[in-house]
Amino acid sequence: MTKITFYKSGGVFYGFREQGHTGYDIAGKDILCAAISAMTMLVINAVEVSYATRVDYNIDEETTDIKVIVPSALPEYESDEKKRYAVSGLIAAYYYQLNDMLEDYYDYLEVDETDVPLDTATKL
């Protein structure tokens, strides 16, 4: 099962952590894993390239532990309100898309959210 925990501060999405293999199918044929990987990379690339914003991420392919933190989603790290809205909205969209997928993949996917300050999330 893949567990994805989204980080929020003051109701604003600013990152997430993914852990574990979905186990939906064997490596190379796991459509759920492929979908999650594609959406994760979409978030990272959109933030870095389209929004020209720093994104801190670590991908450990061996343990399938992925952590993505985008400080600019929060007002204390980014003064441009439009950029904050765009970045946090993209992460929120990922959260809602995964929740929609739970209907079909509840045995392979767990999605949660936690309200935690950014400095705490970076240590998790």
N, C-alpha and C. Protein backbone atom coordinates (compact mmCIF):
# COMPACT_ATOMS: atom_id res chain seq x y z
N MET A 1 0.85 -1.18 0.00
CA MET A 1 0.00 0.00 0.00
C MET A 1 0.89 1.24 0.00
N THR A 2 0.44 2.25 -0.74
CA THR A 2 1.12 3.54 -0.73
C THR A 2 0.33 4.47 0.18
N LYS A 3 1.05 5.08 1.10
CA LYS A 3 0.44 6.06 2.00
C LYS A 3 0.97 7.43 1.63
N ILE A 4 0.06 8.36 1.40
CA ILE A 4 0.45 9.73 1.06
C ILE A 4 -0.15 10.67 2.09
N THR A 5 0.72 11.39 2.78
CA THR A 5 0.31 12.36 3.78
C THR A 5 0.61 13.76 3.25
N PHE A 6 -0.42 14.58 3.18
CA PHE A 6 -0.27 15.95 2.72
C PHE A 6 -0.06 16.87 3.92
N TYR A 7 0.84 17.83 3.75
CA TYR A 7 1.14 18.79 4.80
C TYR A 7 0.41 20.10 4.53
N LYS A 8 -0.20 20.62 5.59
CA LYS A 8 -0.90 21.90 5.53
C LYS A 8 -0.44 22.75 6.71
N SER A 9 -0.53 24.04 6.52
CA SER A 9 -0.28 24.98 7.61
C SER A 9 -1.32 26.08 7.47
N GLY A 10 -2.12 26.26 8.51
CA GLY A 10 -3.18 27.26 8.45
C GLY A 10 -4.17 26.99 7.33
N GLY A 11 -4.39 25.71 7.01
CA GLY A 11 -5.33 25.34 5.97
C GLY A 11 -4.76 25.36 4.56
N VAL A 12 -3.46 25.68 4.41
CA VAL A 12 -2.83 25.80 3.10
C VAL A 12 -1.93 24.58 2.84
N PHE A 13 -2.16 23.89 1.73
CA PHE A 13 -1.31 22.78 1.34
C PHE A 13 0.07 23.29 0.92
N TYR A 14 1.13 22.67 1.42
CA TYR A 14 2.48 23.09 1.02
C TYR A 14 3.42 21.91 0.74
N GLY A 15 2.95 20.68 0.87
CA GLY A 15 3.82 19.55 0.57
C GLY A 15 3.15 18.22 0.86
N PHE A 16 3.92 17.15 0.66
CA PHE A 16 3.40 15.81 0.91
C PHE A 16 4.55 14.81 1.02
N ARG A 17 4.22 13.65 1.56
CA ARG A 17 5.17 12.54 1.66
C ARG A 17 4.46 11.27 1.20
N GLU A 18 5.14 10.52 0.35
CA GLU A 18 4.61 9.26 -0.16
C GLU A 18 5.51 8.13 0.33
N GLN A 19 4.88 7.05 0.81
CA GLN A 19 5.64 5.93 1.32
C GLN A 19 5.02 4.61 0.88
N GLY A 20 5.86 3.70 0.43
CA GLY A 20 5.43 2.34 0.14
C GLY A 20 5.02 2.07 -1.29
N HIS A 21 5.03 0.80 -1.64
CA HIS A 21 4.59 0.32 -2.95
C HIS A 21 3.08 0.09 -2.92
N THR A 22 2.41 0.38 -4.01
CA THR A 22 0.96 0.17 -4.04
C THR A 22 0.62 -1.30 -3.98
N GLY A 23 1.39 -2.14 -4.67
CA GLY A 23 1.10 -3.56 -4.70
C GLY A 23 -0.07 -3.90 -5.59
N TYR A 24 -0.49 -2.98 -6.44
CA TYR A 24 -1.63 -3.22 -7.33
C TYR A 24 -1.27 -4.27 -8.39
N ASP A 25 -0.02 -4.24 -8.87
CA ASP A 25 0.45 -5.19 -9.86
C ASP A 25 1.97 -5.27 -9.75
N ILE A 26 2.59 -6.11 -10.57
CA ILE A 26 4.04 -6.25 -10.53
C ILE A 26 4.70 -5.00 -11.10
N ALA A 27 5.95 -4.79 -10.72
CA ALA A 27 6.71 -3.64 -11.21
C ALA A 27 6.69 -3.62 -12.73
N GLY A 28 6.47 -2.45 -13.28
CA GLY A 28 6.40 -2.30 -14.72
C GLY A 28 4.99 -2.43 -15.28
N LYS A 29 4.07 -2.99 -14.49
CA LYS A 29 2.67 -3.14 -14.93
C LYS A 29 1.69 -2.51 -13.95
N ASP A 30 2.22 -1.87 -12.94
CA ASP A 30 1.39 -1.28 -11.89
C ASP A 30 0.88 0.09 -12.33
N ILE A 31 -0.34 0.12 -12.85
CA ILE A 31 -0.90 1.38 -13.37
C ILE A 31 -1.15 2.40 -12.27
N LEU A 32 -1.43 1.94 -11.07
CA LEU A 32 -1.65 2.87 -9.96
C LEU A 32 -0.34 3.55 -9.58
N CYS A 33 0.71 2.78 -9.49
CA CYS A 33 2.04 3.35 -9.19
C CYS A 33 2.45 4.34 -10.28
N ALA A 34 2.20 3.98 -11.53
CA ALA A 34 2.55 4.86 -12.65
C ALA A 34 1.77 6.17 -12.57
N ALA A 35 0.50 6.10 -12.23
CA ALA A 35 -0.32 7.31 -12.12
C ALA A 35 0.18 8.21 -11.00
N ILE A 36 0.48 7.62 -9.86
CA ILE A 36 0.98 8.40 -8.72
C ILE A 36 2.32 9.04 -9.07
N SER A 37 3.21 8.27 -9.68
CA SER A 37 4.52 8.80 -10.07
C SER A 37 4.38 9.96 -11.05
N ALA A 38 3.50 9.81 -12.03
CA ALA A 38 3.31 10.87 -13.02
C ALA A 38 2.76 12.14 -12.37
N MET A 39 1.80 11.99 -11.47
CA MET A 39 1.23 13.16 -10.82
C MET A 39 2.24 13.83 -9.90
N THR A 40 3.05 13.04 -9.22
CA THR A 40 4.08 13.60 -8.35
C THR A 40 5.07 14.43 -9.16
N MET A 41 5.53 13.88 -10.27
CA MET A 41 6.49 14.61 -11.10
C MET A 41 5.85 15.83 -11.75
N LEU A 42 4.56 15.76 -12.06
CA LEU A 42 3.86 16.93 -12.59
C LEU A 42 3.91 18.07 -11.57
N VAL A 43 3.64 17.77 -10.31
CA VAL A 43 3.68 18.79 -9.27
C VAL A 43 5.09 19.38 -9.16
N ILE A 44 6.09 18.53 -9.07
CA ILE A 44 7.47 19.00 -8.93
C ILE A 44 7.87 19.87 -10.13
N ASN A 45 7.64 19.38 -11.34
CA ASN A 45 8.04 20.13 -12.54
C ASN A 45 7.25 21.42 -12.71
N ALA A 46 5.98 21.40 -12.42
CA ALA A 46 5.17 22.62 -12.55
C ALA A 46 5.65 23.70 -11.59
N VAL A 47 5.93 23.30 -10.36
CA VAL A 47 6.40 24.28 -9.38
C VAL A 47 7.77 24.83 -9.79
N GLU A 48 8.68 23.93 -10.14
CA GLU A 48 10.04 24.36 -10.50
C GLU A 48 10.10 25.17 -11.79
N VAL A 49 9.44 24.68 -12.83
CA VAL A 49 9.59 25.28 -14.14
C VAL A 49 8.50 26.32 -14.42
N SER A 50 7.24 25.93 -14.33
CA SER A 50 6.16 26.85 -14.69
C SER A 50 6.04 28.02 -13.73
N TYR A 51 6.22 27.74 -12.43
CA TYR A 51 6.09 28.81 -11.44
C TYR A 51 7.44 29.38 -11.01
N ALA A 52 8.53 28.83 -11.54
CA ALA A 52 9.89 29.29 -11.22
C ALA A 52 10.07 29.45 -9.71
N THR A 53 9.70 28.41 -9.01
CA THR A 53 9.72 28.43 -7.56
C THR A 53 10.50 27.25 -7.02
N ARG A 54 11.17 27.47 -5.93
CA ARG A 54 11.94 26.40 -5.28
C ARG A 54 11.01 25.32 -4.75
N VAL A 55 11.39 24.09 -5.02
CA VAL A 55 10.69 22.95 -4.45
C VAL A 55 11.77 22.03 -3.89
N ASP A 56 11.64 21.68 -2.64
CA ASP A 56 12.57 20.76 -2.00
C ASP A 56 11.98 19.37 -2.07
N TYR A 57 12.71 18.46 -2.67
CA TYR A 57 12.18 17.09 -2.76
C TYR A 57 13.30 16.08 -2.65
N ASN A 58 12.92 14.91 -2.18
CA ASN A 58 13.84 13.78 -2.07
C ASN A 58 13.08 12.55 -2.53
N ILE A 59 13.68 11.83 -3.46
CA ILE A 59 13.07 10.61 -3.98
C ILE A 59 14.03 9.45 -3.73
N ASP A 60 13.61 8.53 -2.88
CA ASP A 60 14.40 7.33 -2.60
C ASP A 60 13.69 6.17 -3.30
N GLU A 61 14.21 5.80 -4.46
CA GLU A 61 13.56 4.76 -5.27
C GLU A 61 13.61 3.39 -4.62
N GLU A 62 14.62 3.14 -3.80
CA GLU A 62 14.71 1.85 -3.13
C GLU A 62 13.60 1.64 -2.12
N THR A 63 13.38 2.64 -1.29
CA THR A 63 12.36 2.53 -0.24
C THR A 63 11.02 3.10 -0.67
N THR A 64 10.96 3.69 -1.83
CA THR A 64 9.79 4.41 -2.34
C THR A 64 9.29 5.47 -1.35
N ASP A 65 10.23 6.15 -0.76
CA ASP A 65 9.92 7.26 0.15
C ASP A 65 10.18 8.55 -0.60
N ILE A 66 9.14 9.32 -0.81
CA ILE A 66 9.24 10.58 -1.56
C ILE A 66 8.69 11.69 -0.68
N LYS A 67 9.44 12.78 -0.61
CA LYS A 67 9.00 13.93 0.17
C LYS A 67 9.12 15.17 -0.69
N VAL A 68 8.06 15.97 -0.72
CA VAL A 68 8.02 17.20 -1.51
C VAL A 68 7.55 18.32 -0.60
N ILE A 69 8.36 19.38 -0.51
CA ILE A 69 8.03 20.55 0.32
C ILE A 69 8.20 21.80 -0.55
N VAL A 70 7.16 22.66 -0.54
CA VAL A 70 7.21 23.90 -1.32
C VAL A 70 6.92 25.07 -0.37
N PRO A 71 7.99 25.65 0.19
CA PRO A 71 7.79 26.75 1.14
C PRO A 71 7.00 27.93 0.57
N SER A 72 7.13 28.18 -0.72
CA SER A 72 6.48 29.37 -1.31
C SER A 72 4.95 29.27 -1.35
N ALA A 73 4.40 28.17 -0.91
CA ALA A 73 2.94 28.08 -0.79
C ALA A 73 2.45 28.85 0.44
N LEU A 74 3.37 29.17 1.33
CA LEU A 74 3.01 29.80 2.61
C LEU A 74 3.40 31.27 2.63
N PRO A 75 2.57 32.11 3.24
CA PRO A 75 2.81 33.56 3.23
C PRO A 75 4.12 33.98 3.90
N GLU A 76 4.59 33.23 4.87
CA GLU A 76 5.83 33.61 5.53
C GLU A 76 7.07 33.37 4.67
N TYR A 77 6.89 32.67 3.52
CA TYR A 77 8.03 32.38 2.63
C TYR A 77 7.87 32.99 1.24
N GLU A 78 6.67 33.49 0.93
CA GLU A 78 6.42 34.07 -0.40
C GLU A 78 5.45 35.23 -0.28
N SER A 79 5.88 36.41 -0.76
CA SER A 79 5.03 37.59 -0.66
C SER A 79 4.03 37.68 -1.81
N ASP A 80 4.29 37.03 -2.93
CA ASP A 80 3.41 37.08 -4.10
C ASP A 80 2.20 36.17 -3.87
N GLU A 81 1.07 36.79 -3.60
CA GLU A 81 -0.15 36.04 -3.28
C GLU A 81 -0.58 35.12 -4.42
N LYS A 82 -0.43 35.57 -5.65
CA LYS A 82 -0.83 34.75 -6.80
C LYS A 82 0.04 33.50 -6.91
N LYS A 83 1.31 33.64 -6.67
CA LYS A 83 2.21 32.49 -6.71
C LYS A 83 1.86 31.51 -5.60
N ARG A 84 1.61 32.03 -4.40
CA ARG A 84 1.22 31.15 -3.28
C ARG A 84 -0.05 30.38 -3.63
N TYR A 85 -1.02 31.08 -4.17
CA TYR A 85 -2.30 30.46 -4.52
C TYR A 85 -2.11 29.38 -5.58
N ALA A 86 -1.29 29.66 -6.58
CA ALA A 86 -1.04 28.69 -7.66
C ALA A 86 -0.35 27.44 -7.13
N VAL A 87 0.67 27.64 -6.33
CA VAL A 87 1.45 26.51 -5.80
C VAL A 87 0.60 25.66 -4.86
N SER A 88 -0.06 26.27 -3.92
CA SER A 88 -0.86 25.51 -2.97
C SER A 88 -2.07 24.87 -3.67
N GLY A 89 -2.60 25.55 -4.70
CA GLY A 89 -3.71 25.00 -5.46
C GLY A 89 -3.32 23.75 -6.24
N LEU A 90 -2.13 23.74 -6.76
CA LEU A 90 -1.64 22.56 -7.47
C LEU A 90 -1.50 21.37 -6.53
N ILE A 91 -0.95 21.60 -5.35
CA ILE A 91 -0.81 20.53 -4.37
C ILE A 91 -2.19 20.06 -3.89
N ALA A 92 -3.09 21.00 -3.68
CA ALA A 92 -4.46 20.64 -3.28
C ALA A 92 -5.15 19.82 -4.37
N ALA A 93 -4.93 20.18 -5.63
CA ALA A 93 -5.53 19.43 -6.73
C ALA A 93 -5.04 17.99 -6.72
N TYR A 94 -3.77 17.78 -6.43
CA TYR A 94 -3.21 16.42 -6.33
C TYR A 94 -3.91 15.67 -5.19
N TYR A 95 -4.07 16.32 -4.06
CA TYR A 95 -4.76 15.72 -2.92
C TYR A 95 -6.18 15.27 -3.30
N TYR A 96 -6.93 16.15 -3.95
CA TYR A 96 -8.32 15.83 -4.31
C TYR A 96 -8.39 14.74 -5.38
N GLN A 97 -7.44 14.75 -6.31
CA GLN A 97 -7.42 13.70 -7.33
C GLN A 97 -7.16 12.34 -6.69
N LEU A 98 -6.22 12.28 -5.77
CA LEU A 98 -5.95 11.01 -5.08
C LEU A 98 -7.16 10.55 -4.28
N ASN A 99 -7.86 11.47 -3.65
CA ASN A 99 -9.07 11.10 -2.91
C ASN A 99 -10.14 10.53 -3.83
N ASP A 100 -10.24 11.07 -5.03
CA ASP A 100 -11.17 10.50 -6.01
C ASP A 100 -10.77 9.08 -6.38
N MET A 101 -9.48 8.82 -6.46
CA MET A 101 -8.99 7.49 -6.83
C MET A 101 -9.21 6.46 -5.73
N LEU A 102 -9.41 6.91 -4.50
CA LEU A 102 -9.63 5.99 -3.39
C LEU A 102 -10.85 5.10 -3.61
N GLU A 103 -11.82 5.60 -4.33
CA GLU A 103 -13.04 4.84 -4.59
C GLU A 103 -12.72 3.50 -5.26
N ASP A 104 -11.77 3.51 -6.17
CA ASP A 104 -11.41 2.29 -6.90
C ASP A 104 -10.19 1.56 -6.32
N TYR A 105 -9.35 2.28 -5.60
CA TYR A 105 -8.07 1.70 -5.17
C TYR A 105 -7.86 1.74 -3.66
N TYR A 106 -8.92 1.66 -2.88
CA TYR A 106 -8.81 1.79 -1.43
C TYR A 106 -7.94 0.72 -0.78
N ASP A 107 -7.78 -0.43 -1.42
CA ASP A 107 -6.91 -1.48 -0.87
C ASP A 107 -5.43 -1.21 -1.11
N TYR A 108 -5.12 -0.23 -1.96
CA TYR A 108 -3.73 0.00 -2.37
C TYR A 108 -3.23 1.40 -2.07
N LEU A 109 -4.12 2.26 -1.60
CA LEU A 109 -3.79 3.66 -1.45
C LEU A 109 -4.43 4.22 -0.19
N GLU A 110 -3.66 4.99 0.55
CA GLU A 110 -4.17 5.71 1.72
C GLU A 110 -3.75 7.17 1.59
N VAL A 111 -4.71 8.07 1.75
CA VAL A 111 -4.44 9.50 1.63
C VAL A 111 -4.88 10.18 2.92
N ASP A 112 -3.99 11.00 3.45
CA ASP A 112 -4.26 11.68 4.71
C ASP A 112 -3.72 13.10 4.61
N GLU A 113 -4.11 13.92 5.55
CA GLU A 113 -3.56 15.27 5.65
C GLU A 113 -3.28 15.58 7.09
N THR A 114 -2.29 16.43 7.31
CA THR A 114 -1.96 16.83 8.66
C THR A 114 -1.60 18.31 8.67
N ASP A 115 -2.04 19.00 9.68
CA ASP A 115 -1.71 20.40 9.84
C ASP A 115 -0.46 20.49 10.69
N VAL A 116 0.65 20.83 10.06
CA VAL A 116 1.94 20.83 10.74
C VAL A 116 2.79 21.98 10.19
N PRO A 117 3.49 22.70 11.06
CA PRO A 117 4.35 23.78 10.58
C PRO A 117 5.43 23.25 9.64
N LEU A 118 5.85 24.07 8.72
CA LEU A 118 6.86 23.66 7.73
C LEU A 118 8.13 23.15 8.38
N ASP A 119 8.62 23.83 9.41
CA ASP A 119 9.87 23.38 10.04
C ASP A 119 9.74 21.99 10.66
N THR A 120 8.55 21.63 11.09
CA THR A 120 8.31 20.28 11.63
C THR A 120 8.26 19.27 10.50
N ALA A 121 7.59 19.61 9.41
CA ALA A 121 7.45 18.69 8.26
C ALA A 121 8.81 18.35 7.66
N THR A 122 9.72 19.31 7.64
CA THR A 122 11.02 19.03 7.05
C THR A 122 11.81 18.01 7.87
N LYS A 123 11.45 17.83 9.12
CA LYS A 123 12.15 16.86 9.99
C LYS A 123 11.49 15.48 9.99
N LEU A 124 10.29 15.37 9.45
CA LEU A 124 9.57 14.10 9.44
C LEU A 124 10.19 13.11 8.48
